[in-house]
Every structure is written in structure tokens, then in C-alpha cells.
Amino acid sequence: MDKLIGQFEKNSREEIRVQLREFKGHQLLDIRIFYFTADGGEPKPSPKGISMSIKLLPQLQEALLEGERVLKEEGLMSPEGVVSTEDQAQEGSDK
């Protein structure tokens, strides 16, 4: 059972997908980079990503919330969650 939870563009050639997957009877949360092929077909999964037990989701959530807190504290993200313009410009150069 594979269930797509969410996806978003990383750059013009890649997207990040978050999926619920089952492997050998274990429920996994898979966060993986998918790349677009030249033929324009369905994006393909890359080896870049992680698969982890769904039991670890609370620790991942805690780490991400701490990352958000640090970014805001450092002035790299606004209180509303908007990334600074400088980081957005660098992100655009990846495309």
C-alpha cells in the first residue's frame, strides 16, 4: 500500500514526495526526491531520501518544529513562516 501524503517542487527538475508505504509488513514514512525525465513521463524516485518507521514521526515533527524555531530566531524566517528573500533568491538559482 503506497499512499501519497504530499508533494512539492524542489526545483525545475525535481520534486519531493512524502508517502506512506508498506515494506515487508512494516509501515514506513518515505520522504524522497523524484526527478523528471527528458521524455516528460512520470517522475522517477531517486535514491535520495529516507524511509523510516511511522513510530519515529513524533521525533521528526519535534525536530522540524525546532528547526522552524531556530530559523525564526536567526531571522531567516518571519514569524508567519515566510523564508527570507535572500534564501528564496538562492533557491531560485538551483533551477
PDB file of N, CA and C in Angstrom:
ATOM      1  N   MET A   1       0.839  -1.180   0.000  1.00  0.00           N
ATOM      2  CA  MET A   1       0.000   0.000   0.000  1.00  0.00           C
ATOM      3  C   MET A   1       0.883   1.242   0.000  1.00  0.00           C
ATOM      4  N   ASP A   2       0.837   1.997  -1.064  1.00  0.00           N
ATOM      5  CA  ASP A   2       1.518   3.287  -1.148  1.00  0.00           C
ATOM      6  C   ASP A   2       0.452   4.368  -1.181  1.00  0.00           C
ATOM      7  N   LYS A   3       0.616   5.373  -0.318  1.00  0.00           N
ATOM      8  CA  LYS A   3      -0.339   6.477  -0.289  1.00  0.00           C
ATOM      9  C   LYS A   3       0.438   7.783  -0.287  1.00  0.00           C
ATOM     10  N   LEU A   4       0.203   8.597  -1.301  1.00  0.00           N
ATOM     11  CA  LEU A   4       0.842   9.900  -1.394  1.00  0.00           C
ATOM     12  C   LEU A   4       0.208  10.829  -0.372  1.00  0.00           C
ATOM     13  N   ILE A   5       1.035  11.398   0.482  1.00  0.00           N
ATOM     14  CA  ILE A   5       0.559  12.329   1.510  1.00  0.00           C
ATOM     15  C   ILE A   5       0.703  13.763   1.029  1.00  0.00           C
ATOM     16  N   GLY A   6       1.823  14.050   0.362  1.00  0.00           N
ATOM     17  CA  GLY A   6       2.048  15.400  -0.140  1.00  0.00           C
ATOM     18  C   GLY A   6       3.239  15.434  -1.063  1.00  0.00           C
ATOM     19  N   GLN A   7       3.300  16.478  -1.865  1.00  0.00           N
ATOM     20  CA  GLN A   7       4.432  16.666  -2.771  1.00  0.00           C
ATOM     21  C   GLN A   7       4.597  18.144  -3.031  1.00  0.00           C
ATOM     22  N   PHE A   8       5.843  18.550  -3.299  1.00  0.00           N
ATOM     23  CA  PHE A   8       6.118  19.941  -3.626  1.00  0.00           C
ATOM     24  C   PHE A   8       7.383  20.010  -4.469  1.00  0.00           C
ATOM     25  N   GLU A   9       7.474  21.060  -5.266  1.00  0.00           N
ATOM     26  CA  GLU A   9       8.591  21.240  -6.184  1.00  0.00           C
ATOM     27  C   GLU A   9       9.853  21.601  -5.406  1.00  0.00           C
ATOM     28  N   LYS A  10      10.935  20.896  -5.695  1.00  0.00           N
ATOM     29  CA  LYS A  10      12.250  21.244  -5.136  1.00  0.00           C
ATOM     30  C   LYS A  10      12.931  22.247  -6.057  1.00  0.00           C
ATOM     31  N   ASN A  11      12.895  21.955  -7.349  1.00  0.00           N
ATOM     32  CA  ASN A  11      13.401  22.847  -8.387  1.00  0.00           C
ATOM     33  C   ASN A  11      12.744  22.422  -9.702  1.00  0.00           C
ATOM     34  N   SER A  12      13.208  22.965 -10.825  1.00  0.00           N
ATOM     35  CA  SER A  12      12.532  22.669 -12.094  1.00  0.00           C
ATOM     36  C   SER A  12      12.721  21.221 -12.557  1.00  0.00           C
ATOM     37  N   ARG A  13      13.654  20.501 -11.963  1.00  0.00           N
ATOM     38  CA  ARG A  13      13.931  19.121 -12.375  1.00  0.00           C
ATOM     39  C   ARG A  13      13.534  18.068 -11.341  1.00  0.00           C
ATOM     40  N   GLU A  14      13.144  18.510 -10.138  1.00  0.00           N
ATOM     41  CA  GLU A  14      12.878  17.565  -9.055  1.00  0.00           C
ATOM     42  C   GLU A  14      11.700  18.000  -8.193  1.00  0.00           C
ATOM     43  N   GLU A  15      11.074  17.005  -7.559  1.00  0.00           N
ATOM     44  CA  GLU A  15      10.040  17.293  -6.568  1.00  0.00           C
ATOM     45  C   GLU A  15      10.279  16.389  -5.365  1.00  0.00           C
ATOM     46  N   ILE A  16       9.744  16.788  -4.244  1.00  0.00           N
ATOM     47  CA  ILE A  16       9.847  15.994  -3.026  1.00  0.00           C
ATOM     48  C   ILE A  16       8.468  15.418  -2.742  1.00  0.00           C
ATOM     49  N   ARG A  17       8.435  14.114  -2.491  1.00  0.00           N
ATOM     50  CA  ARG A  17       7.175  13.440  -2.179  1.00  0.00           C
ATOM     51  C   ARG A  17       7.256  12.828  -0.790  1.00  0.00           C
ATOM     52  N   VAL A  18       6.162  12.956  -0.069  1.00  0.00           N
ATOM     53  CA  VAL A  18       6.009  12.317   1.235  1.00  0.00           C
ATOM     54  C   VAL A  18       4.943  11.253   1.049  1.00  0.00           C
ATOM     55  N   GLN A  19       5.307  10.001   1.353  1.00  0.00           N
ATOM     56  CA  GLN A  19       4.393   8.891   1.123  1.00  0.00           C
ATOM     57  C   GLN A  19       4.346   7.968   2.331  1.00  0.00           C
ATOM     58  N   LEU A  20       3.199   7.332   2.498  1.00  0.00           N
ATOM     59  CA  LEU A  20       3.063   6.237   3.444  1.00  0.00           C
ATOM     60  C   LEU A  20       3.246   4.971   2.632  1.00  0.00           C
ATOM     61  N   ARG A  21       4.192   4.126   3.066  1.00  0.00           N
ATOM     62  CA  ARG A  21       4.485   2.906   2.310  1.00  0.00           C
ATOM     63  C   ARG A  21       4.517   1.715   3.260  1.00  0.00           C
ATOM     64  N   GLU A  22       4.357   0.563   2.687  1.00  0.00           N
ATOM     65  CA  GLU A  22       4.487  -0.674   3.456  1.00  0.00           C
ATOM     66  C   GLU A  22       5.609  -1.493   2.836  1.00  0.00           C
ATOM     67  N   PHE A  23       6.507  -2.004   3.688  1.00  0.00           N
ATOM     68  CA  PHE A  23       7.605  -2.840   3.206  1.00  0.00           C
ATOM     69  C   PHE A  23       7.785  -3.989   4.187  1.00  0.00           C
ATOM     70  N   LYS A  24       7.621  -5.188   3.688  1.00  0.00           N
ATOM     71  CA  LYS A  24       7.751  -6.404   4.493  1.00  0.00           C
ATOM     72  C   LYS A  24       6.926  -6.321   5.773  1.00  0.00           C
ATOM     73  N   GLY A  25       5.702  -5.826   5.629  1.00  0.00           N
ATOM     74  CA  GLY A  25       4.788  -5.747   6.759  1.00  0.00           C
ATOM     75  C   GLY A  25       4.998  -4.571   7.688  1.00  0.00           C
ATOM     76  N   HIS A  26       5.947  -3.695   7.382  1.00  0.00           N
ATOM     77  CA  HIS A  26       6.225  -2.526   8.219  1.00  0.00           C
ATOM     78  C   HIS A  26       5.682  -1.271   7.550  1.00  0.00           C
ATOM     79  N   GLN A  27       5.018  -0.430   8.326  1.00  0.00           N
ATOM     80  CA  GLN A  27       4.515   0.840   7.830  1.00  0.00           C
ATOM     81  C   GLN A  27       5.646   1.870   7.892  1.00  0.00           C
ATOM     82  N   LEU A  28       5.930   2.514   6.761  1.00  0.00           N
ATOM     83  CA  LEU A  28       7.033   3.461   6.672  1.00  0.00           C
ATOM     84  C   LEU A  28       6.566   4.817   6.168  1.00  0.00           C
ATOM     85  N   LEU A  29       7.218   5.844   6.656  1.00  0.00           N
ATOM     86  CA  LEU A  29       7.059   7.184   6.119  1.00  0.00           C
ATOM     87  C   LEU A  29       8.248   7.395   5.194  1.00  0.00           C
ATOM     88  N   ASP A  30       7.993   7.677   3.928  1.00  0.00           N
ATOM     89  CA  ASP A  30       9.043   7.817   2.932  1.00  0.00           C
ATOM     90  C   ASP A  30       9.053   9.257   2.443  1.00  0.00           C
ATOM     91  N   ILE A  31      10.201   9.922   2.580  1.00  0.00           N
ATOM     92  CA  ILE A  31      10.387  11.287   2.092  1.00  0.00           C
ATOM     93  C   ILE A  31      11.490  11.189   1.049  1.00  0.00           C
ATOM     94  N   ARG A  32      11.147  11.415  -0.212  1.00  0.00           N
ATOM     95  CA  ARG A  32      12.076  11.105  -1.292  1.00  0.00           C
ATOM     96  C   ARG A  32      12.033  12.160  -2.392  1.00  0.00           C
ATOM     97  N   ILE A  33      13.188  12.365  -3.023  1.00  0.00           N
ATOM     98  CA  ILE A  33      13.280  13.233  -4.189  1.00  0.00           C
ATOM     99  C   ILE A  33      12.934  12.412  -5.420  1.00  0.00           C
ATOM    100  N   PHE A  34      12.037  12.937  -6.230  1.00  0.00           N
ATOM    101  CA  PHE A  34      11.692  12.344  -7.523  1.00  0.00           C
ATOM    102  C   PHE A  34      12.220  13.278  -8.590  1.00  0.00           C
ATOM    103  N   TYR A  35      12.711  12.710  -9.683  1.00  0.00           N
ATOM    104  CA  TYR A  35      13.253  13.532 -10.762  1.00  0.00           C
ATOM    105  C   TYR A  35      12.420  13.349 -12.029  1.00  0.00           C
ATOM    106  N   PHE A  36      12.396  14.415 -12.821  1.00  0.00           N
ATOM    107  CA  PHE A  36      11.658  14.398 -14.080  1.00  0.00           C
ATOM    108  C   PHE A  36      12.580  13.910 -15.193  1.00  0.00           C
ATOM    109  N   THR A  37      12.079  13.039 -16.038  1.00  0.00           N
ATOM    110  CA  THR A  37      12.862  12.518 -17.156  1.00  0.00           C
ATOM    111  C   THR A  37      12.690  13.406 -18.382  1.00  0.00           C
ATOM    112  N   ALA A  38      13.617  13.285 -19.305  1.00  0.00           N
ATOM    113  CA  ALA A  38      13.590  14.106 -20.521  1.00  0.00           C
ATOM    114  C   ALA A  38      12.367  13.817 -21.378  1.00  0.00           C
ATOM    115  N   ASP A  39      11.836  12.592 -21.308  1.00  0.00           N
ATOM    116  CA  ASP A  39      10.676  12.243 -22.141  1.00  0.00           C
ATOM    117  C   ASP A  39       9.355  12.794 -21.593  1.00  0.00           C
ATOM    118  N   GLY A  40       9.420  13.444 -20.433  1.00  0.00           N
ATOM    119  CA  GLY A  40       8.227  14.059 -19.872  1.00  0.00           C
ATOM    120  C   GLY A  40       7.260  13.090 -19.228  1.00  0.00           C
ATOM    121  N   GLY A  41       7.700  11.852 -18.996  1.00  0.00           N
ATOM    122  CA  GLY A  41       6.842  10.867 -18.354  1.00  0.00           C
ATOM    123  C   GLY A  41       6.707  11.107 -16.853  1.00  0.00           C
ATOM    124  N   GLU A  42       6.185  10.119 -16.180  1.00  0.00           N
ATOM    125  CA  GLU A  42       6.023  10.212 -14.723  1.00  0.00           C
ATOM    126  C   GLU A  42       7.377  10.395 -14.046  1.00  0.00           C
ATOM    127  N   PRO A  43       7.442  11.238 -13.002  1.00  0.00           N
ATOM    128  CA  PRO A  43       8.701  11.387 -12.268  1.00  0.00           C
ATOM    129  C   PRO A  43       9.148  10.044 -11.681  1.00  0.00           C
ATOM    130  N   LYS A  44      10.466   9.861 -11.596  1.00  0.00           N
ATOM    131  CA  LYS A  44      11.062   8.625 -11.092  1.00  0.00           C
ATOM    132  C   LYS A  44      11.660   8.870  -9.709  1.00  0.00           C
ATOM    133  N   PRO A  45      11.565   7.887  -8.805  1.00  0.00           N
ATOM    134  CA  PRO A  45      12.169   8.060  -7.481  1.00  0.00           C
ATOM    135  C   PRO A  45      13.694   7.984  -7.560  1.00  0.00           C
ATOM    136  N   SER A  46      14.345   8.827  -6.817  1.00  0.00           N
ATOM    137  CA  SER A  46      15.808   8.790  -6.752  1.00  0.00           C
ATOM    138  C   SER A  46      16.197   8.061  -5.460  1.00  0.00           C
ATOM    139  N   PRO A  47      17.463   7.715  -5.322  1.00  0.00           N
ATOM    140  CA  PRO A  47      17.905   7.106  -4.059  1.00  0.00           C
ATOM    141  C   PRO A  47      18.025   8.140  -2.939  1.00  0.00           C
ATOM    142  N   LYS A  48      17.855   9.411  -3.277  1.00  0.00           N
ATOM    143  CA  LYS A  48      17.974  10.475  -2.277  1.00  0.00           C
ATOM    144  C   LYS A  48      16.679  10.592  -1.484  1.00  0.00           C
ATOM    145  N   GLY A  49      16.715  10.214  -0.238  1.00  0.00           N
ATOM    146  CA  GLY A  49      15.550  10.303   0.609  1.00  0.00           C
ATOM    147  C   GLY A  49      15.701   9.403   1.817  1.00  0.00           C
ATOM    148  N   ILE A  50      14.667   9.359   2.613  1.00  0.00           N
ATOM    149  CA  ILE A  50      14.684   8.479   3.781  1.00  0.00           C
ATOM    150  C   ILE A  50      13.357   7.740   3.877  1.00  0.00           C
ATOM    151  N   SER A  51      13.446   6.531   4.380  1.00  0.00           N
ATOM    152  CA  SER A  51      12.268   5.766   4.766  1.00  0.00           C
ATOM    153  C   SER A  51      12.449   5.448   6.238  1.00  0.00           C
ATOM    154  N   MET A  52      11.434   5.705   7.020  1.00  0.00           N
ATOM    155  CA  MET A  52      11.554   5.485   8.456  1.00  0.00           C
ATOM    156  C   MET A  52      10.254   4.942   9.006  1.00  0.00           C
ATOM    157  N   SER A  53      10.360   4.244  10.103  1.00  0.00           N
ATOM    158  CA  SER A  53       9.184   3.715  10.766  1.00  0.00           C
ATOM    159  C   SER A  53       8.240   4.864  11.121  1.00  0.00           C
ATOM    160  N   ILE A  54       6.943   4.626  10.967  1.00  0.00           N
ATOM    161  CA  ILE A  54       5.983   5.670  11.342  1.00  0.00           C
ATOM    162  C   ILE A  54       6.051   5.962  12.837  1.00  0.00           C
ATOM    163  N   LYS A  55       6.629   5.060  13.604  1.00  0.00           N
ATOM    164  CA  LYS A  55       6.785   5.281  15.052  1.00  0.00           C
ATOM    165  C   LYS A  55       7.716   6.459  15.343  1.00  0.00           C
ATOM    166  N   LEU A  56       8.557   6.819  14.369  1.00  0.00           N
ATOM    167  CA  LEU A  56       9.508   7.920  14.552  1.00  0.00           C
ATOM    168  C   LEU A  56       8.933   9.280  14.175  1.00  0.00           C
ATOM    169  N   LEU A  57       7.698   9.306  13.677  1.00  0.00           N
ATOM    170  CA  LEU A  57       7.100  10.574  13.244  1.00  0.00           C
ATOM    171  C   LEU A  57       7.091  11.630  14.353  1.00  0.00           C
ATOM    172  N   PRO A  58       6.750  11.306  15.598  1.00  0.00           N
ATOM    173  CA  PRO A  58       6.776  12.356  16.626  1.00  0.00           C
ATOM    174  C   PRO A  58       8.153  13.010  16.794  1.00  0.00           C
ATOM    175  N   GLN A  59       9.230  12.227  16.712  1.00  0.00           N
ATOM    176  CA  GLN A  59      10.572  12.799  16.830  1.00  0.00           C
ATOM    177  C   GLN A  59      10.901  13.673  15.623  1.00  0.00           C
ATOM    178  N   LEU A  60      10.468  13.259  14.425  1.00  0.00           N
ATOM    179  CA  LEU A  60      10.686  14.064  13.229  1.00  0.00           C
ATOM    180  C   LEU A  60       9.934  15.387  13.349  1.00  0.00           C
ATOM    181  N   GLN A  61       8.687  15.316  13.795  1.00  0.00           N
ATOM    182  CA  GLN A  61       7.897  16.542  13.962  1.00  0.00           C
ATOM    183  C   GLN A  61       8.573  17.486  14.950  1.00  0.00           C
ATOM    184  N   GLU A  62       9.077  16.943  16.042  1.00  0.00           N
ATOM    185  CA  GLU A  62       9.743  17.754  17.054  1.00  0.00           C
ATOM    186  C   GLU A  62      10.995  18.429  16.470  1.00  0.00           C
ATOM    187  N   ALA A  63      11.775  17.671  15.691  1.00  0.00           N
ATOM    188  CA  ALA A  63      12.984  18.230  15.082  1.00  0.00           C
ATOM    189  C   ALA A  63      12.641  19.328  14.076  1.00  0.00           C
ATOM    190  N   LEU A  64      11.591  19.122  13.278  1.00  0.00           N
ATOM    191  CA  LEU A  64      11.192  20.135  12.307  1.00  0.00           C
ATOM    192  C   LEU A  64      10.683  21.405  12.994  1.00  0.00           C
ATOM    193  N   LEU A  65       9.929  21.239  14.056  1.00  0.00           N
ATOM    194  CA  LEU A  65       9.451  22.407  14.810  1.00  0.00           C
ATOM    195  C   LEU A  65      10.617  23.162  15.435  1.00  0.00           C
ATOM    196  N   GLU A  66      11.608  22.430  15.924  1.00  0.00           N
ATOM    197  CA  GLU A  66      12.800  23.077  16.483  1.00  0.00           C
ATOM    198  C   GLU A  66      13.563  23.800  15.369  1.00  0.00           C
ATOM    199  N   GLY A  67      13.647  23.194  14.190  1.00  0.00           N
ATOM    200  CA  GLY A  67      14.288  23.856  13.053  1.00  0.00           C
ATOM    201  C   GLY A  67      13.583  25.147  12.695  1.00  0.00           C
ATOM    202  N   GLU A  68      12.252  25.126  12.702  1.00  0.00           N
ATOM    203  CA  GLU A  68      11.479  26.337  12.416  1.00  0.00           C
ATOM    204  C   GLU A  68      11.749  27.404  13.482  1.00  0.00           C
ATOM    205  N   ARG A  69      11.802  26.991  14.743  1.00  0.00           N
ATOM    206  CA  ARG A  69      12.062  27.939  15.837  1.00  0.00           C
ATOM    207  C   ARG A  69      13.426  28.605  15.648  1.00  0.00           C
ATOM    208  N   VAL A  70      14.449  27.800  15.316  1.00  0.00           N
ATOM    209  CA  VAL A  70      15.799  28.323  15.123  1.00  0.00           C
ATOM    210  C   VAL A  70      15.846  29.274  13.926  1.00  0.00           C
ATOM    211  N   LEU A  71      15.197  28.919  12.822  1.00  0.00           N
ATOM    212  CA  LEU A  71      15.175  29.801  11.651  1.00  0.00           C
ATOM    213  C   LEU A  71      14.546  31.152  11.998  1.00  0.00           C
ATOM    214  N   LYS A  72      13.469  31.120  12.750  1.00  0.00           N
ATOM    215  CA  LYS A  72      12.826  32.380  13.150  1.00  0.00           C
ATOM    216  C   LYS A  72      13.729  33.170  14.085  1.00  0.00           C
ATOM    217  N   GLU A  73      14.360  32.473  15.018  1.00  0.00           N
ATOM    218  CA  GLU A  73      15.261  33.122  15.969  1.00  0.00           C
ATOM    219  C   GLU A  73      16.436  33.781  15.250  1.00  0.00           C
ATOM    220  N   GLU A  74      16.943  33.144  14.204  1.00  0.00           N
ATOM    221  CA  GLU A  74      18.077  33.660  13.436  1.00  0.00           C
ATOM    222  C   GLU A  74      17.661  34.699  12.399  1.00  0.00           C
ATOM    223  N   GLY A  75      16.362  34.953  12.289  1.00  0.00           N
ATOM    224  CA  GLY A  75      15.875  35.940  11.335  1.00  0.00           C
ATOM    225  C   GLY A  75      15.829  35.434   9.899  1.00  0.00           C
ATOM    226  N   LEU A  76      15.923  34.123   9.720  1.00  0.00           N
ATOM    227  CA  LEU A  76      15.885  33.539   8.380  1.00  0.00           C
ATOM    228  C   LEU A  76      14.461  33.217   7.937  1.00  0.00           C
ATOM    229  N   MET A  77      13.523  33.336   8.872  1.00  0.00           N
ATOM    230  CA  MET A  77      12.114  33.080   8.591  1.00  0.00           C
ATOM    231  C   MET A  77      11.296  34.073   9.408  1.00  0.00           C
ATOM    232  N   SER A  78      10.251  34.612   8.793  1.00  0.00           N
ATOM    233  CA  SER A  78       9.397  35.557   9.506  1.00  0.00           C
ATOM    234  C   SER A  78       8.538  34.812  10.521  1.00  0.00           C
ATOM    235  N   PRO A  79       7.936  35.530  11.477  1.00  0.00           N
ATOM    236  CA  PRO A  79       7.033  34.876  12.433  1.00  0.00           C
ATOM    237  C   PRO A  79       5.874  34.155  11.750  1.00  0.00           C
ATOM    238  N   GLU A  80       5.517  34.592  10.521  1.00  0.00           N
ATOM    239  CA  GLU A  80       4.425  33.951   9.774  1.00  0.00           C
ATOM    240  C   GLU A  80       4.899  32.722   9.001  1.00  0.00           C
ATOM    241  N   GLY A  81       6.215  32.454   9.011  1.00  0.00           N
ATOM    242  CA  GLY A  81       6.741  31.277   8.329  1.00  0.00           C
ATOM    243  C   GLY A  81       7.253  31.524   6.924  1.00  0.00           C
ATOM    244  N   VAL A  82       7.468  32.787   6.567  1.00  0.00           N
ATOM    245  CA  VAL A  82       7.969  33.118   5.230  1.00  0.00           C
ATOM    246  C   VAL A  82       9.495  33.154   5.286  1.00  0.00           C
ATOM    247  N   VAL A  83      10.135  32.451   4.344  1.00  0.00           N
ATOM    248  CA  VAL A  83      11.593  32.416   4.278  1.00  0.00           C
ATOM    249  C   VAL A  83      12.103  33.744   3.743  1.00  0.00           C
ATOM    250  N   SER A  84      13.270  34.188   4.237  1.00  0.00           N
ATOM    251  CA  SER A  84      13.815  35.479   3.828  1.00  0.00           C
ATOM    252  C   SER A  84      14.040  35.539   2.323  1.00  0.00           C
ATOM    253  N   THR A  85      13.985  36.745   1.759  1.00  0.00           N
ATOM    254  CA  THR A  85      14.127  36.968   0.321  1.00  0.00           C
ATOM    255  C   THR A  85      15.459  36.445  -0.182  1.00  0.00           C
ATOM    256  N   GLU A  86      16.528  36.609   0.586  1.00  0.00           N
ATOM    257  CA  GLU A  86      17.850  36.164   0.173  1.00  0.00           C
ATOM    258  C   GLU A  86      17.846  34.641  -0.050  1.00  0.00           C
ATOM    259  N   ASP A  87      17.244  33.882   0.847  1.00  0.00           N
ATOM    260  CA  ASP A  87      17.194  32.432   0.697  1.00  0.00           C
ATOM    261  C   ASP A  87      16.317  32.029  -0.485  1.00  0.00           C
ATOM    262  N   GLN A  88      15.254  32.773  -0.751  1.00  0.00           N
ATOM    263  CA  GLN A  88      14.402  32.482  -1.891  1.00  0.00           C
ATOM    264  C   GLN A  88      15.154  32.701  -3.190  1.00  0.00           C
ATOM    265  N   ALA A  89      16.004  33.747  -3.246  1.00  0.00           N
ATOM    266  CA  ALA A  89      16.789  34.016  -4.445  1.00  0.00           C
ATOM    267  C   ALA A  89      17.789  32.897  -4.689  1.00  0.00           C
ATOM    268  N   GLN A  90      18.418  32.389  -3.627  1.00  0.00           N
ATOM    269  CA  GLN A  90      19.360  31.280  -3.761  1.00  0.00           C
ATOM    270  C   GLN A  90      18.638  30.036  -4.226  1.00  0.00           C
ATOM    271  N   GLU A  91      17.430  29.805  -3.709  1.00  0.00           N
ATOM    272  CA  GLU A  91      16.632  28.653  -4.100  1.00  0.00           C
ATOM    273  C   GLU A  91      16.322  28.712  -5.583  1.00  0.00           C
ATOM    274  N   GLY A  92      16.015  29.890  -6.082  1.00  0.00           N
ATOM    275  CA  GLY A  92      15.709  30.062  -7.499  1.00  0.00           C
ATOM    276  C   GLY A  92      16.904  29.777  -8.394  1.00  0.00           C
ATOM    277  N   SER A  93      18.119  29.992  -7.864  1.00  0.00           N
ATOM    278  CA  SER A  93      19.310  29.743  -8.667  1.00  0.00           C
ATOM    279  C   SER A  93      19.569  28.244  -8.840  1.00  0.00           C
ATOM    280  N   ASP A  94      18.925  27.393  -8.033  1.00  0.00           N
ATOM    281  CA  ASP A  94      19.043  25.954  -8.167  1.00  0.00           C
ATOM    282  C   ASP A  94      18.315  25.459  -9.414  1.00  0.00           C
ATOM    283  N   LYS A  95      17.410  26.251  -9.923  1.00  0.00           N
ATOM    284  CA  LYS A  95      16.565  25.828 -11.037  1.00  0.00           C
ATOM    285  C   LYS A  95      17.252  25.867 -12.345  1.00  0.00           C
TER     286      LYS A  95
END
